[in-house]
Amino acid sequence: LALKSDDEAAALVRRCNAEAEPAMQVAGAAFLTHLE
């Protein structure tokens, strides 16, 4: 994910959260900061 642009990464994070069980979901803004 860190290879992606911020926009691409954000879109994939939203898709991951939509498809993942609650225990595997992440906070979008905080996760993008983590990718930095």
Full PDB file with SEQRES, HELIX, SHEET, SSBOND, CRYST1, ORIGX, SCALE, CONECT and MASTER records, all heavy atoms in Angstrom:
SEQRES   1 A   36  LEU ALA LEU LYS SER ASP ASP GLU ALA ALA ALA LEU VAL          
SEQRES   2 A   36  ARG ARG CYS ASN ALA GLU ALA GLU PRO ALA MET GLN VAL          
SEQRES   3 A   36  ALA GLY ALA ALA PHE LEU THR HIS LEU GLU                      
HELIX    1 AA1 ASP A    6  GLU A   19  1                                  14    
HELIX    2 AA2 PRO A   22  MET A   24  5                                   3    
HELIX    3 AA3 GLY A   28  LEU A   35  1                                   8    
CRYST1    1.000    1.000    1.000  90.00  90.00  90.00 P 1           1          
ORIGX1      1.000000  0.000000  0.000000        0.00000                         
ORIGX2      0.000000  1.000000  0.000000        0.00000                         
ORIGX3      0.000000  0.000000  1.000000        0.00000                         
SCALE1      1.000000  0.000000  0.000000        0.00000                         
SCALE2      0.000000  1.000000  0.000000        0.00000                         
SCALE3      0.000000  0.000000  1.000000        0.00000                         
ATOM      1  N   LEU A   1       0.824  -1.210   0.000  1.00  0.00           N  
ATOM      2  CA  LEU A   1       0.000   0.000   0.000  1.00  0.00           C  
ATOM      3  C   LEU A   1       0.860   1.263   0.000  1.00  0.00           C  
ATOM      4  O   LEU A   1       0.474   2.279  -0.576  1.00  0.00           O  
ATOM      5  CB  LEU A   1      -0.917   0.007   1.226  1.00  0.00           C  
ATOM      6  CG  LEU A   1      -2.239  -0.749   1.113  1.00  0.00           C  
ATOM      7  CD1 LEU A   1      -2.946  -0.782   2.462  1.00  0.00           C  
ATOM      8  CD2 LEU A   1      -3.140  -0.108   0.063  1.00  0.00           C  
ATOM      9  N   ALA A   2       2.013   1.197   0.652  1.00  0.00           N  
ATOM     10  CA  ALA A   2       2.886   2.370   0.739  1.00  0.00           C  
ATOM     11  C   ALA A   2       3.427   2.784  -0.622  1.00  0.00           C  
ATOM     12  O   ALA A   2       3.893   3.917  -0.784  1.00  0.00           O  
ATOM     13  CB  ALA A   2       4.034   2.103   1.711  1.00  0.00           C  
ATOM     14  N   LEU A   3       3.371   1.901  -1.618  1.00  0.00           N  
ATOM     15  CA  LEU A   3       3.811   2.244  -2.973  1.00  0.00           C  
ATOM     16  C   LEU A   3       2.783   3.112  -3.698  1.00  0.00           C  
ATOM     17  O   LEU A   3       3.106   3.754  -4.690  1.00  0.00           O  
ATOM     18  CB  LEU A   3       4.047   0.976  -3.795  1.00  0.00           C  
ATOM     19  CG  LEU A   3       5.162   0.028  -3.340  1.00  0.00           C  
ATOM     20  CD1 LEU A   3       5.182  -1.204  -4.237  1.00  0.00           C  
ATOM     21  CD2 LEU A   3       6.509   0.733  -3.366  1.00  0.00           C  
ATOM     22  N   LYS A   4       1.545   3.118  -3.200  1.00  0.00           N  
ATOM     23  CA  LYS A   4       0.467   3.830  -3.883  1.00  0.00           C  
ATOM     24  C   LYS A   4       0.488   5.317  -3.537  1.00  0.00           C  
ATOM     25  O   LYS A   4       1.065   5.739  -2.527  1.00  0.00           O  
ATOM     26  CB  LYS A   4      -0.893   3.247  -3.462  1.00  0.00           C  
ATOM     27  CG  LYS A   4      -1.011   1.736  -3.536  1.00  0.00           C  
ATOM     28  CD  LYS A   4      -1.006   1.230  -4.956  1.00  0.00           C  
ATOM     29  CE  LYS A   4      -1.232  -0.274  -4.992  1.00  0.00           C  
ATOM     30  NZ  LYS A   4      -1.186  -0.815  -6.375  1.00  0.00           N  
ATOM     31  N   SER A   5      -0.187   6.091  -4.374  1.00  0.00           N  
ATOM     32  CA  SER A   5      -0.417   7.493  -4.034  1.00  0.00           C  
ATOM     33  C   SER A   5      -1.420   7.549  -2.874  1.00  0.00           C  
ATOM     34  O   SER A   5      -2.092   6.565  -2.568  1.00  0.00           O  
ATOM     35  CB  SER A   5      -0.977   8.250  -5.241  1.00  0.00           C  
ATOM     36  OG  SER A   5      -2.289   7.795  -5.541  1.00  0.00           O  
ATOM     37  N   ASP A   6      -1.527   8.699  -2.230  1.00  0.00           N  
ATOM     38  CA  ASP A   6      -2.467   8.829  -1.117  1.00  0.00           C  
ATOM     39  C   ASP A   6      -3.896   8.529  -1.552  1.00  0.00           C  
ATOM     40  O   ASP A   6      -4.654   7.885  -0.815  1.00  0.00           O  
ATOM     41  CB  ASP A   6      -2.385  10.240  -0.525  1.00  0.00           C  
ATOM     42  CG  ASP A   6      -1.126  10.447   0.299  1.00  0.00           C  
ATOM     43  OD1 ASP A   6      -0.494   9.437   0.675  1.00  0.00           O  
ATOM     44  OD2 ASP A   6      -0.771  11.617   0.561  1.00  0.00           O  
ATOM     45  N   ASP A   7      -4.286   9.002  -2.734  1.00  0.00           N  
ATOM     46  CA  ASP A   7      -5.647   8.774  -3.211  1.00  0.00           C  
ATOM     47  C   ASP A   7      -5.902   7.291  -3.467  1.00  0.00           C  
ATOM     48  O   ASP A   7      -6.956   6.758  -3.103  1.00  0.00           O  
ATOM     49  CB  ASP A   7      -5.912   9.570  -4.496  1.00  0.00           C  
ATOM     50  CG  ASP A   7      -6.026  11.065  -4.235  1.00  0.00           C  
ATOM     51  OD1 ASP A   7      -6.226  11.441  -3.061  1.00  0.00           O  
ATOM     52  OD2 ASP A   7      -5.906  11.843  -5.200  1.00  0.00           O  
ATOM     53  N   GLU A   8      -4.934   6.613  -4.103  1.00  0.00           N  
ATOM     54  CA  GLU A   8      -5.080   5.181  -4.367  1.00  0.00           C  
ATOM     55  C   GLU A   8      -5.129   4.398  -3.064  1.00  0.00           C  
ATOM     56  O   GLU A   8      -5.954   3.483  -2.897  1.00  0.00           O  
ATOM     57  CB  GLU A   8      -3.920   4.681  -5.226  1.00  0.00           C  
ATOM     58  CG  GLU A   8      -3.938   5.170  -6.654  1.00  0.00           C  
ATOM     59  CD  GLU A   8      -2.693   4.706  -7.395  1.00  0.00           C  
ATOM     60  OE1 GLU A   8      -1.581   4.891  -6.884  1.00  0.00           O  
ATOM     61  OE2 GLU A   8      -2.849   4.147  -8.494  1.00  0.00           O  
ATOM     62  N   ALA A   9      -4.235   4.753  -2.136  1.00  0.00           N  
ATOM     63  CA  ALA A   9      -4.199   4.052  -0.854  1.00  0.00           C  
ATOM     64  C   ALA A   9      -5.504   4.258  -0.085  1.00  0.00           C  
ATOM     65  O   ALA A   9      -6.044   3.308   0.493  1.00  0.00           O  
ATOM     66  CB  ALA A   9      -3.012   4.534  -0.025  1.00  0.00           C  
ATOM     67  N   ALA A  10      -6.016   5.488  -0.086  1.00  0.00           N  
ATOM     68  CA  ALA A  10      -7.259   5.772   0.637  1.00  0.00           C  
ATOM     69  C   ALA A  10      -8.424   4.958   0.072  1.00  0.00           C  
ATOM     70  O   ALA A  10      -9.249   4.428   0.824  1.00  0.00           O  
ATOM     71  CB  ALA A  10      -7.575   7.265   0.573  1.00  0.00           C  
ATOM     72  N   ALA A  11      -8.481   4.859  -1.259  1.00  0.00           N  
ATOM     73  CA  ALA A  11      -9.551   4.081  -1.888  1.00  0.00           C  
ATOM     74  C   ALA A  11      -9.442   2.601  -1.515  1.00  0.00           C  
ATOM     75  O   ALA A  11     -10.450   1.937  -1.242  1.00  0.00           O  
ATOM     76  CB  ALA A  11      -9.494   4.253  -3.405  1.00  0.00           C  
ATOM     77  N   LEU A  12      -8.217   2.074  -1.486  1.00  0.00           N  
ATOM     78  CA  LEU A  12      -8.025   0.665  -1.131  1.00  0.00           C  
ATOM     79  C   LEU A  12      -8.320   0.420   0.350  1.00  0.00           C  
ATOM     80  O   LEU A  12      -8.858  -0.631   0.710  1.00  0.00           O  
ATOM     81  CB  LEU A  12      -6.598   0.235  -1.468  1.00  0.00           C  
ATOM     82  CG  LEU A  12      -6.330  -0.013  -2.950  1.00  0.00           C  
ATOM     83  CD1 LEU A  12      -4.835  -0.122  -3.224  1.00  0.00           C  
ATOM     84  CD2 LEU A  12      -7.049  -1.281  -3.434  1.00  0.00           C  
ATOM     85  N   VAL A  13      -7.988   1.386   1.197  1.00  0.00           N  
ATOM     86  CA  VAL A  13      -8.294   1.242   2.624  1.00  0.00           C  
ATOM     87  C   VAL A  13      -9.796   1.191   2.834  1.00  0.00           C  
ATOM     88  O   VAL A  13     -10.306   0.372   3.613  1.00  0.00           O  
ATOM     89  CB  VAL A  13      -7.664   2.397   3.434  1.00  0.00           C  
ATOM     90  CG1 VAL A  13      -8.197   2.398   4.870  1.00  0.00           C  
ATOM     91  CG2 VAL A  13      -6.155   2.273   3.439  1.00  0.00           C  
ATOM     92  N   ARG A  14     -10.537   2.054   2.143  1.00  0.00           N  
ATOM     93  CA  ARG A  14     -12.000   2.028   2.258  1.00  0.00           C  
ATOM     94  C   ARG A  14     -12.558   0.691   1.781  1.00  0.00           C  
ATOM     95  O   ARG A  14     -13.473   0.125   2.403  1.00  0.00           O  
ATOM     96  CB  ARG A  14     -12.609   3.178   1.444  1.00  0.00           C  
ATOM     97  CG  ARG A  14     -12.380   4.560   2.040  1.00  0.00           C  
ATOM     98  CD  ARG A  14     -13.260   5.602   1.372  1.00  0.00           C  
ATOM     99  NE  ARG A  14     -12.930   5.772  -0.039  1.00  0.00           N  
ATOM    100  CZ  ARG A  14     -12.044   6.639  -0.503  1.00  0.00           C  
ATOM    101  NH1 ARG A  14     -11.376   7.417   0.341  1.00  0.00           N  
ATOM    102  NH2 ARG A  14     -11.820   6.759  -1.797  1.00  0.00           N  
ATOM    103  N   ARG A  15     -11.994   0.169   0.704  1.00  0.00           N  
ATOM    104  CA  ARG A  15     -12.457  -1.115   0.185  1.00  0.00           C  
ATOM    105  C   ARG A  15     -12.111  -2.243   1.157  1.00  0.00           C  
ATOM    106  O   ARG A  15     -12.931  -3.133   1.391  1.00  0.00           O  
ATOM    107  CB  ARG A  15     -11.811  -1.372  -1.180  1.00  0.00           C  
ATOM    108  CG  ARG A  15     -12.281  -2.657  -1.845  1.00  0.00           C  
ATOM    109  CD  ARG A  15     -11.712  -2.775  -3.244  1.00  0.00           C  
ATOM    110  NE  ARG A  15     -11.915  -4.103  -3.792  1.00  0.00           N  
ATOM    111  CZ  ARG A  15     -11.406  -4.527  -4.944  1.00  0.00           C  
ATOM    112  NH1 ARG A  15     -10.681  -3.694  -5.683  1.00  0.00           N  
ATOM    113  NH2 ARG A  15     -11.623  -5.754  -5.369  1.00  0.00           N  
ATOM    114  N   CYS A  16     -10.927  -2.193   1.728  1.00  0.00           N  
ATOM    115  CA  CYS A  16     -10.542  -3.208   2.718  1.00  0.00           C  
ATOM    116  C   CYS A  16     -11.500  -3.196   3.904  1.00  0.00           C  
ATOM    117  O   CYS A  16     -11.953  -4.246   4.373  1.00  0.00           O  
ATOM    118  CB  CYS A  16      -9.115  -2.961   3.207  1.00  0.00           C  
ATOM    119  SG  CYS A  16      -7.824  -3.377   2.020  1.00  0.00           S  
ATOM    120  N   ASN A  17     -11.797  -2.009   4.426  1.00  0.00           N  
ATOM    121  CA  ASN A  17     -12.697  -1.899   5.566  1.00  0.00           C  
ATOM    122  C   ASN A  17     -14.096  -2.408   5.235  1.00  0.00           C  
ATOM    123  O   ASN A  17     -14.763  -3.013   6.076  1.00  0.00           O  
ATOM    124  CB  ASN A  17     -12.772  -0.452   6.049  1.00  0.00           C  
ATOM    125  CG  ASN A  17     -11.569  -0.054   6.876  1.00  0.00           C  
ATOM    126  OD1 ASN A  17     -10.862  -0.907   7.411  1.00  0.00           O  
ATOM    127  ND2 ASN A  17     -11.309   1.246   6.984  1.00  0.00           N  
ATOM    128  N   ALA A  18     -14.535  -2.165   4.005  1.00  0.00           N  
ATOM    129  CA  ALA A  18     -15.870  -2.609   3.601  1.00  0.00           C  
ATOM    130  C   ALA A  18     -15.950  -4.132   3.509  1.00  0.00           C  
ATOM    131  O   ALA A  18     -17.003  -4.726   3.780  1.00  0.00           O  
ATOM    132  CB  ALA A  18     -16.254  -1.983   2.261  1.00  0.00           C  
ATOM    133  N   GLU A  19     -14.832  -4.763   3.149  1.00  0.00           N  
ATOM    134  CA  GLU A  19     -14.825  -6.204   2.944  1.00  0.00           C  
ATOM    135  C   GLU A  19     -14.361  -6.998   4.165  1.00  0.00           C  
ATOM    136  O   GLU A  19     -14.643  -8.192   4.269  1.00  0.00           O  
ATOM    137  CB  GLU A  19     -13.922  -6.554   1.751  1.00  0.00           C  
ATOM    138  CG  GLU A  19     -14.386  -5.961   0.424  1.00  0.00           C  
ATOM    139  CD  GLU A  19     -13.427  -6.243  -0.716  1.00  0.00           C  
ATOM    140  OE1 GLU A  19     -12.372  -6.870  -0.457  1.00  0.00           O  
ATOM    141  OE2 GLU A  19     -13.725  -5.841  -1.858  1.00  0.00           O  
ATOM    142  N   ALA A  20     -13.649  -6.338   5.092  1.00  0.00           N  
ATOM    143  CA  ALA A  20     -13.036  -7.054   6.207  1.00  0.00           C  
ATOM    144  C   ALA A  20     -13.982  -7.165   7.397  1.00  0.00           C  
ATOM    145  O   ALA A  20     -14.898  -6.350   7.578  1.00  0.00           O  
ATOM    146  CB  ALA A  20     -11.756  -6.354   6.638  1.00  0.00           C  
ATOM    147  N   GLU A  21     -13.736  -8.172   8.218  1.00  0.00           N  
ATOM    148  CA  GLU A  21     -14.479  -8.296   9.468  1.00  0.00           C  
ATOM    149  C   GLU A  21     -14.038  -7.178  10.400  1.00  0.00           C  
ATOM    150  O   GLU A  21     -12.941  -6.614  10.252  1.00  0.00           O  
ATOM    151  CB  GLU A  21     -14.228  -9.658  10.098  1.00  0.00           C  
ATOM    152  CG  GLU A  21     -12.775  -9.958  10.389  1.00  0.00           C  
ATOM    153  CD  GLU A  21     -12.575 -11.369  10.858  1.00  0.00           C  
ATOM    154  OE1 GLU A  21     -12.649 -12.290  10.023  1.00  0.00           O  
ATOM    155  OE2 GLU A  21     -12.353 -11.536  12.072  1.00  0.00           O  
ATOM    156  N   PRO A  22     -14.882  -6.807  11.391  1.00  0.00           N  
ATOM    157  CA  PRO A  22     -14.583  -5.649  12.247  1.00  0.00           C  
ATOM    158  C   PRO A  22     -13.196  -5.660  12.874  1.00  0.00           C  
ATOM    159  O   PRO A  22     -12.548  -4.614  12.976  1.00  0.00           O  
ATOM    160  CB  PRO A  22     -15.678  -5.733  13.319  1.00  0.00           C  
ATOM    161  CG  PRO A  22     -16.824  -6.398  12.614  1.00  0.00           C  
ATOM    162  CD  PRO A  22     -16.193  -7.396  11.684  1.00  0.00           C  
ATOM    163  N   ALA A  23     -12.704  -6.836  13.284  1.00  0.00           N  
ATOM    164  CA  ALA A  23     -11.395  -6.905  13.950  1.00  0.00           C  
ATOM    165  C   ALA A  23     -10.254  -6.492  13.034  1.00  0.00           C  
ATOM    166  O   ALA A  23      -9.170  -6.138  13.520  1.00  0.00           O  
ATOM    167  CB  ALA A  23     -11.163  -8.315  14.485  1.00  0.00           C  
ATOM    168  N   MET A  24     -10.472  -6.544  11.722  1.00  0.00           N  
ATOM    169  CA  MET A  24      -9.410  -6.227  10.770  1.00  0.00           C  
ATOM    170  C   MET A  24      -9.582  -4.840  10.145  1.00  0.00           C  
ATOM    171  O   MET A  24      -8.797  -4.460   9.286  1.00  0.00           O  
ATOM    172  CB  MET A  24      -9.359  -7.276   9.663  1.00  0.00           C  
ATOM    173  CG  MET A  24      -8.931  -8.644  10.122  1.00  0.00           C  
ATOM    174  SD  MET A  24      -8.775  -9.786   8.724  1.00  0.00           S  
ATOM    175  CE  MET A  24      -8.286 -11.291   9.583  1.00  0.00           C  
ATOM    176  N   GLN A  25     -10.591  -4.078  10.548  1.00  0.00           N  
ATOM    177  CA  GLN A  25     -10.803  -2.747   9.998  1.00  0.00           C  
ATOM    178  C   GLN A  25      -9.863  -1.740  10.662  1.00  0.00           C  
ATOM    179  O   GLN A  25      -9.442  -1.923  11.799  1.00  0.00           O  
ATOM    180  CB  GLN A  25     -12.261  -2.327  10.187  1.00  0.00           C  
ATOM    181  CG  GLN A  25     -13.237  -3.174   9.391  1.00  0.00           C  
ATOM    182  CD  GLN A  25     -14.682  -2.830   9.663  1.00  0.00           C  
ATOM    183  OE1 GLN A  25     -14.989  -1.961  10.484  1.00  0.00           O  
ATOM    184  NE2 GLN A  25     -15.589  -3.515   8.979  1.00  0.00           N  
ATOM    185  N   VAL A  26      -9.515  -0.687   9.926  1.00  0.00           N  
ATOM    186  CA  VAL A  26      -8.588   0.329  10.436  1.00  0.00           C  
ATOM    187  C   VAL A  26      -9.218   1.710  10.326  1.00  0.00           C  
ATOM    188  O   VAL A  26     -10.152   1.926   9.546  1.00  0.00           O  
ATOM    189  CB  VAL A  26      -7.252   0.301   9.658  1.00  0.00           C  
ATOM    190  CG1 VAL A  26      -6.554  -1.034   9.820  1.00  0.00           C  
ATOM    191  CG2 VAL A  26      -7.477   0.612   8.170  1.00  0.00           C  
ATOM    192  N   ALA A  27      -8.702   2.642  11.113  1.00  0.00           N  
ATOM    193  CA  ALA A  27      -9.148   4.037  11.028  1.00  0.00           C  
ATOM    194  C   ALA A  27      -8.449   4.685   9.839  1.00  0.00           C  
ATOM    195  O   ALA A  27      -7.212   4.753   9.803  1.00  0.00           O  
ATOM    196  CB  ALA A  27      -8.815   4.767  12.320  1.00  0.00           C  
ATOM    197  N   GLY A  28      -9.230   5.148   8.862  1.00  0.00           N  
ATOM    198  CA  GLY A  28      -8.687   5.627   7.592  1.00  0.00           C  
ATOM    199  C   GLY A  28      -7.602   6.685   7.716  1.00  0.00           C  
ATOM    200  O   GLY A  28      -6.478   6.502   7.227  1.00  0.00           O  
ATOM    201  N   ALA A  29      -7.899   7.803   8.383  1.00  0.00           N  
ATOM    202  CA  ALA A  29      -6.936   8.912   8.468  1.00  0.00           C  
ATOM    203  C   ALA A  29      -5.676   8.489   9.216  1.00  0.00           C  
ATOM    204  O   ALA A  29      -4.554   8.784   8.793  1.00  0.00           O  
ATOM    205  CB  ALA A  29      -7.589  10.106   9.157  1.00  0.00           C  
ATOM    206  N   ALA A  30      -5.845   7.789  10.322  1.00  0.00           N  
ATOM    207  CA  ALA A  30      -4.691   7.353  11.107  1.00  0.00           C  
ATOM    208  C   ALA A  30      -3.851   6.349  10.325  1.00  0.00           C  
ATOM    209  O   ALA A  30      -2.612   6.360  10.417  1.00  0.00           O  
ATOM    210  CB  ALA A  30      -5.162   6.728  12.426  1.00  0.00           C  
ATOM    211  N   PHE A  31      -4.511   5.508   9.548  1.00  0.00           N  
ATOM    212  CA  PHE A  31      -3.775   4.502   8.786  1.00  0.00           C  
ATOM    213  C   PHE A  31      -2.953   5.154   7.682  1.00  0.00           C  
ATOM    214  O   PHE A  31      -1.827   4.736   7.408  1.00  0.00           O  
ATOM    215  CB  PHE A  31      -4.740   3.478   8.183  1.00  0.00           C  
ATOM    216  CG  PHE A  31      -4.038   2.317   7.520  1.00  0.00           C  
ATOM    217  CD1 PHE A  31      -3.568   1.261   8.276  1.00  0.00           C  
ATOM    218  CD2 PHE A  31      -3.840   2.293   6.151  1.00  0.00           C  
ATOM    219  CE1 PHE A  31      -2.908   0.192   7.678  1.00  0.00           C  
ATOM    220  CE2 PHE A  31      -3.182   1.240   5.535  1.00  0.00           C  
ATOM    221  CZ  PHE A  31      -2.717   0.183   6.313  1.00  0.00           C  
ATOM    222  N   LEU A  32      -3.495   6.173   7.024  1.00  0.00           N  
ATOM    223  CA  LEU A  32      -2.745   6.877   5.990  1.00  0.00           C  
ATOM    224  C   LEU A  32      -1.519   7.572   6.584  1.00  0.00           C  
ATOM    225  O   LEU A  32      -0.462   7.639   5.947  1.00  0.00           O  
ATOM    226  CB  LEU A  32      -3.642   7.887   5.277  1.00  0.00           C  
ATOM    227  CG  LEU A  32      -4.751   7.286   4.397  1.00  0.00           C  
ATOM    228  CD1 LEU A  32      -5.616   8.388   3.797  1.00  0.00           C  
ATOM    229  CD2 LEU A  32      -4.156   6.420   3.291  1.00  0.00           C  
ATOM    230  N   THR A  33      -1.646   8.093   7.811  1.00  0.00           N  
ATOM    231  CA  THR A  33      -0.495   8.665   8.496  1.00  0.00           C  
ATOM    232  C   THR A  33       0.544   7.582   8.776  1.00  0.00           C  
ATOM    233  O   THR A  33       1.761   7.805   8.647  1.00  0.00           O  
ATOM    234  CB  THR A  33      -0.932   9.310   9.824  1.00  0.00           C  
ATOM    235  OG1 THR A  33      -1.872  10.362   9.551  1.00  0.00           O  
ATOM    236  CG2 THR A  33       0.267   9.899  10.562  1.00  0.00           C  
ATOM    237  N   HIS A  34       0.056   6.394   9.141  1.00  0.00           N  
ATOM    238  CA  HIS A  34       0.956   5.261   9.370  1.00  0.00           C  
ATOM    239  C   HIS A  34       1.702   4.890   8.084  1.00  0.00           C  
ATOM    240  O   HIS A  34       2.895   4.566   8.128  1.00  0.00           O  
ATOM    241  CB  HIS A  34       0.150   4.065   9.878  1.00  0.00           C  
ATOM    242  CG  HIS A  34       0.908   2.779   9.892  1.00  0.00           C  
ATOM    243  ND1 HIS A  34       1.975   2.536  10.737  1.00  0.00           N  
ATOM    244  CD2 HIS A  34       0.767   1.648   9.142  1.00  0.00           C  
ATOM    245  CE1 HIS A  34       2.447   1.325  10.517  1.00  0.00           C  
ATOM    246  NE2 HIS A  34       1.739   0.771   9.553  1.00  0.00           N  
ATOM    247  N   LEU A  35       1.020   4.947   6.937  1.00  0.00           N  
ATOM    248  CA  LEU A  35       1.676   4.630   5.665  1.00  0.00           C  
ATOM    249  C   LEU A  35       2.813   5.607   5.365  1.00  0.00           C  
ATOM    250  O   LEU A  35       3.820   5.226   4.759  1.00  0.00           O  
ATOM    251  CB  LEU A  35       0.656   4.641   4.519  1.00  0.00           C  
ATOM    252  CG  LEU A  35      -0.273   3.444   4.388  1.00  0.00           C  
ATOM    253  CD1 LEU A  35      -1.134   3.573   3.134  1.00  0.00           C  
ATOM    254  CD2 LEU A  35       0.504   2.125   4.357  1.00  0.00           C  
ATOM    255  N   GLU A  36       2.650   6.846   5.778  1.00  0.00           N  
ATOM    256  CA  GLU A  36       3.733   7.820   5.601  1.00  0.00           C  
ATOM    257  C   GLU A  36       4.974   7.371   6.370  1.00  0.00           C  
ATOM    258  O   GLU A  36       6.102   7.509   5.888  1.00  0.00           O  
ATOM    259  CB  GLU A  36       3.281   9.202   6.079  1.00  0.00           C  
ATOM    260  CG  GLU A  36       2.350   9.924   5.119  1.00  0.00           C  
ATOM    261  CD  GLU A  36       3.045  10.259   3.803  1.00  0.00           C  
ATOM    262  OE1 GLU A  36       4.281  10.460   3.796  1.00  0.00           O  
ATOM    263  OE2 GLU A  36       2.355  10.291   2.775  1.00  0.00           O  
TER     264      GLU A  36                                                      
MASTER        0    0    0    3    0    0    0    6  263    1    0    3          
END                                                                             
